[in-house]
């Protein structure tokens, strides 16, 4: 155990840099860039599905990339329709109730009513 303690002590011991970092000529970036809230076009959805990597775990919706790609154009059109519908519903009032689901714009979590 003593050897492991010594190993981790050496691993986490950091020497200060020998010279100062040069920051001249660097520009400041916006920490919170604006987000485009418009619905994606059909071509953007098609490109996004094409970029998905196979053999990865499905996301929170449990739909794998393999399934999305196997659906071809019909799946892309359906996905586009869903994304457009969500965008239209969310662009309404700050808080609205659609199909039994409360949609809160921006802050706060969505809750089922």
Protein backbone atom coordinates (compact mmCIF):
# COMPACT_ATOMS: atom_id res chain seq x y z
CA UNK A 1 0.00 0.00 0.00
CA UNK A 2 2.85 2.35 0.77
CA UNK A 3 4.10 2.02 -2.80
CA UNK A 4 0.66 2.97 -4.19
CA UNK A 5 0.49 5.99 -1.88
CA UNK A 6 3.91 7.09 -3.09
CA UNK A 7 2.92 6.54 -6.74
CA UNK A 8 -0.21 8.71 -6.45
CA UNK A 9 1.63 11.37 -4.48
CA UNK A 10 4.14 11.65 -7.34
CA UNK A 11 1.37 11.51 -9.93
CA UNK A 12 -0.57 14.40 -8.45
CA UNK A 13 2.41 16.58 -7.57
CA UNK A 14 2.65 19.28 -10.22
CA UNK A 15 5.56 21.65 -10.74
CA UNK A 16 4.77 25.24 -11.66
CA UNK A 17 5.58 26.16 -15.29
CA UNK A 18 9.08 27.49 -15.81
CA UNK A 19 7.95 30.44 -17.91
CA UNK A 20 4.88 32.62 -18.24
CA UNK A 21 2.34 31.74 -20.96
CA UNK A 22 2.18 34.23 -23.82
CA UNK A 23 -1.33 35.64 -24.18
CA UNK A 24 -0.68 38.52 -26.56
CA UNK A 25 -2.69 38.35 -29.77
CA UNK A 26 -5.38 36.09 -28.28
CA UNK A 27 -8.97 37.27 -28.49
CA UNK A 28 -11.66 36.67 -25.91
CA UNK A 29 -14.43 34.26 -26.88
CA UNK A 30 -18.04 34.50 -25.81
CA UNK A 31 -18.64 31.99 -23.00
CA UNK A 32 -22.32 31.67 -23.90
CA UNK A 33 -22.73 32.03 -27.68
CA UNK A 34 -26.22 32.66 -29.06
CA UNK A 35 -28.19 29.56 -30.06
CA UNK A 36 -30.13 29.37 -33.31
CA UNK A 37 -33.64 28.38 -32.24
CA UNK A 38 -35.12 27.86 -35.69
CA UNK A 39 -36.28 24.39 -36.72
CA UNK A 40 -33.69 22.43 -38.72
CA UNK A 41 -34.23 22.03 -42.44
CA UNK A 42 -34.72 18.60 -44.00
CA UNK A 43 -31.20 18.77 -45.40
CA UNK A 44 -29.75 19.57 -41.94
CA UNK A 45 -31.55 16.56 -40.44
CA UNK A 46 -30.28 14.37 -43.29
CA UNK A 47 -26.68 15.54 -42.68
CA UNK A 48 -26.96 15.05 -38.91
CA UNK A 49 -28.24 11.47 -39.31
CA UNK A 50 -25.44 10.73 -41.79
CA UNK A 51 -22.85 11.94 -39.25
CA UNK A 52 -24.12 9.63 -36.48
CA UNK A 53 -21.65 6.92 -35.54
CA UNK A 54 -22.76 3.34 -35.34
CA UNK A 55 -21.95 1.01 -32.46
CA UNK A 56 -22.67 3.73 -29.93
CA UNK A 57 -25.18 3.53 -27.10
CA UNK A 58 -28.59 4.99 -27.80
CA UNK A 59 -29.31 8.38 -26.28
CA UNK A 60 -32.02 9.35 -23.84
CA UNK A 61 -34.69 8.45 -26.41
CA UNK A 62 -33.28 4.89 -26.77
CA UNK A 63 -33.14 5.16 -30.57
CA UNK A 64 -29.83 3.89 -31.93
CA UNK A 65 -27.97 5.47 -34.82
CA UNK A 66 -28.24 2.16 -36.67
CA UNK A 67 -32.04 2.32 -36.50
CA UNK A 68 -32.15 5.94 -37.69
CA UNK A 69 -29.88 5.16 -40.62
CA UNK A 70 -31.80 2.00 -41.54
CA UNK A 71 -35.02 4.01 -41.90
CA UNK A 72 -33.61 5.87 -44.91
CA UNK A 73 -35.58 8.85 -46.26
CA UNK A 74 -38.86 7.92 -44.54
CA UNK A 75 -37.16 8.02 -41.13
CA UNK A 76 -35.47 11.33 -41.93
CA UNK A 77 -38.79 12.88 -43.03
CA UNK A 78 -40.49 11.62 -39.87
CA UNK A 79 -37.69 12.90 -37.66
CA UNK A 80 -37.85 16.26 -39.43
CA UNK A 81 -41.61 16.41 -38.86
CA UNK A 82 -41.16 15.75 -35.14
CA UNK A 83 -38.41 18.35 -34.78
CA UNK A 84 -40.47 20.93 -36.67
CA UNK A 85 -43.57 20.20 -34.56
CA UNK A 86 -41.58 20.59 -31.35
CA UNK A 87 -40.14 23.88 -32.61
CA UNK A 88 -43.58 25.25 -33.56
CA UNK A 89 -45.07 24.28 -30.20
CA UNK A 90 -42.15 25.70 -28.23
CA UNK A 91 -42.23 29.02 -30.13
CA UNK A 92 -45.71 29.76 -28.78
CA UNK A 93 -46.32 31.43 -25.41
CA UNK A 94 -43.73 31.18 -22.67
CA UNK A 95 -45.69 28.31 -21.16
CA UNK A 96 -48.23 26.20 -23.02
CA UNK A 97 -49.97 22.84 -22.66
CA UNK A 98 -49.83 20.58 -25.72
CA UNK A 99 -51.18 17.02 -25.68
CA UNK A 100 -51.03 16.83 -21.88
CA UNK A 101 -47.41 17.96 -21.69
CA UNK A 102 -46.52 21.33 -20.23
CA UNK A 103 -43.85 23.01 -22.32
CA UNK A 104 -41.90 25.69 -20.50
CA UNK A 105 -39.74 27.89 -22.65
CA UNK A 106 -36.12 28.41 -21.65
CA UNK A 107 -35.85 28.00 -17.86
CA UNK A 108 -37.45 25.26 -15.81
CA UNK A 109 -38.08 21.59 -16.46
CA UNK A 110 -40.99 20.30 -18.51
CA UNK A 111 -43.54 18.44 -16.46
CA UNK A 112 -46.43 16.19 -17.41
CA UNK A 113 -49.81 17.53 -16.39
